[in-house]
Amino acid sequence: MYIFQKGSPLVEDVSRVIARIRLDKTLESVENRWFGNRLSVLSRNSTMPQALKLDRFGGLFIISGITCTLALMMSILHQLHGKMEVYSIISVLVGRNLMATIRHLLYRNVVQT
């Protein structure tokens, strides 16, 4: 968003005045009066922000790794729980001796063919 419309003759005048008050430190004194000791956004003497490097994301990688590990463990536990429920249902339906029931069904199938 701009203060003036595109092509306004006031743009050059306002830019010139801002440049002048920046050079004679008037802008800096106004900033100090209104914003105190905070870092000035318009200050040209401020240091440039440090570049982002891979080692600055270490915490993010750790959090992501822990989250993915927890999600994997929850998925495995959910699958195991589902299989345990199926095993429980089968064992209730056919009794405690599942292997004997399976052998009986297999042997019966072989004899009938």
Protein backbone atom coordinates (compact mmCIF):
# COMPACT_ATOMS: atom_id res chain seq x y z
CA MET A 1 0.00 0.00 0.00
CA TYR A 2 1.36 3.41 -0.90
CA ILE A 3 0.63 6.81 0.57
CA PHE A 4 0.37 8.58 -2.77
CA GLN A 5 -1.24 7.58 -6.01
CA LYS A 6 1.03 6.42 -8.78
CA GLY A 7 2.56 9.37 -10.64
CA SER A 8 1.80 11.91 -7.87
CA PRO A 9 4.16 14.94 -7.91
CA LEU A 10 4.36 14.79 -4.10
CA VAL A 11 6.38 11.54 -4.13
CA GLU A 12 9.65 13.25 -5.08
CA ASP A 13 9.19 16.05 -2.55
CA VAL A 14 8.39 13.70 0.34
CA SER A 15 11.28 11.37 -0.59
CA ARG A 16 13.65 14.34 -0.65
CA VAL A 17 12.49 15.52 2.79
CA ILE A 18 12.80 12.02 4.28
CA ALA A 19 16.35 11.71 2.89
CA ARG A 20 17.26 15.13 4.33
CA ILE A 21 15.93 14.41 7.85
CA ARG A 22 17.67 11.04 7.77
CA LEU A 23 21.00 12.72 6.96
CA ASP A 24 20.73 15.43 9.60
CA LYS A 25 19.75 12.84 12.27
CA THR A 26 16.30 14.37 12.86
CA LEU A 27 14.65 11.06 11.95
CA GLU A 28 16.89 9.22 14.43
CA SER A 29 15.98 11.59 17.27
CA VAL A 30 12.25 11.21 16.49
CA GLU A 31 12.65 7.43 16.49
CA ASN A 32 14.49 7.52 19.82
CA ARG A 33 11.84 9.76 21.35
CA TRP A 34 8.94 7.57 20.21
CA PHE A 35 10.43 4.08 20.26
CA GLY A 36 13.15 4.39 22.90
CA ASN A 37 16.07 2.00 22.74
CA ARG A 38 14.44 -0.43 20.34
CA LEU A 39 16.33 -1.28 17.18
CA SER A 40 15.48 1.21 14.47
CA VAL A 41 13.98 -0.28 11.33
CA LEU A 42 15.09 2.66 9.21
CA SER A 43 18.62 2.76 10.57
CA ARG A 44 21.28 2.18 7.91
CA ASN A 45 23.97 1.45 10.54
CA SER A 46 22.28 -1.68 11.86
CA THR A 47 23.94 -5.01 11.21
CA MET A 48 22.43 -7.30 8.63
CA PRO A 49 20.53 -10.30 9.99
CA GLN A 50 22.47 -13.55 9.99
CA ALA A 51 21.81 -15.94 7.16
CA LEU A 52 19.84 -19.07 7.92
CA LYS A 53 21.97 -22.18 7.92
CA LEU A 54 21.14 -25.84 8.33
CA ASP A 55 22.53 -26.01 11.87
CA ARG A 56 19.99 -23.38 13.01
CA PHE A 57 17.18 -25.87 12.32
CA GLY A 58 18.48 -28.51 14.76
CA GLY A 59 15.61 -28.06 17.20
CA LEU A 60 13.07 -28.30 14.42
CA PHE A 61 14.66 -31.54 13.19
CA ILE A 62 14.58 -32.99 16.70
CA ILE A 63 10.92 -32.08 17.18
CA SER A 64 10.03 -33.51 13.76
CA GLY A 65 11.94 -36.72 14.46
CA ILE A 66 10.28 -37.22 17.85
CA THR A 67 6.84 -36.51 16.37
CA CYS A 68 7.35 -38.96 13.49
CA THR A 69 8.67 -41.62 15.87
CA LEU A 70 5.66 -41.21 18.17
CA ALA A 71 3.27 -41.38 15.21
CA LEU A 72 4.96 -44.57 13.96
CA MET A 73 4.79 -46.16 17.41
CA MET A 74 1.12 -45.25 17.76
CA SER A 75 0.40 -46.73 14.33
CA ILE A 76 2.20 -49.97 15.21
CA LEU A 77 0.38 -50.20 18.55
CA HIS A 78 -2.93 -49.59 16.80
CA GLN A 79 -2.20 -52.37 14.30
CA LEU A 80 -1.14 -54.77 17.06
CA HIS A 81 -4.22 -53.92 19.08
CA GLY A 82 -6.41 -54.64 16.04
CA LYS A 83 -4.71 -57.99 15.46
CA MET A 84 -5.04 -58.89 19.12
CA GLU A 85 -8.76 -58.15 18.94
CA VAL A 86 -9.11 -60.39 15.86
CA TYR A 87 -7.17 -63.17 17.61
CA SER A 88 -9.40 -62.79 20.69
CA ILE A 89 -12.56 -63.02 18.59
CA ILE A 90 -11.29 -66.10 16.75
CA SER A 91 -10.22 -67.79 19.97
CA VAL A 92 -13.63 -67.15 21.53
CA LEU A 93 -15.44 -68.48 18.45
CA VAL A 94 -13.38 -71.63 17.98
CA GLY A 95 -12.18 -72.20 21.52
CA ARG A 96 -8.75 -71.97 23.07
CA ASN A 97 -7.10 -74.53 20.84
CA LEU A 98 -6.86 -72.57 17.57
CA MET A 99 -4.15 -74.72 16.01
CA ALA A 100 -6.16 -77.91 16.56
CA THR A 101 -9.19 -76.30 14.91
CA ILE A 102 -7.12 -75.16 11.91
CA ARG A 103 -5.58 -78.65 11.55
CA HIS A 104 -9.03 -80.19 11.71
CA LEU A 105 -10.35 -77.83 9.00
CA LEU A 106 -7.32 -78.47 6.78
CA TYR A 107 -7.48 -82.22 7.24
CA ARG A 108 -11.23 -82.28 6.60
CA ASN A 109 -10.65 -80.27 3.39
CA VAL A 110 -8.00 -82.74 2.21
CA VAL A 111 -10.15 -85.77 2.94
CA GLN A 112 -13.18 -84.34 1.10
CA THR A 113 -11.25 -83.70 -2.12
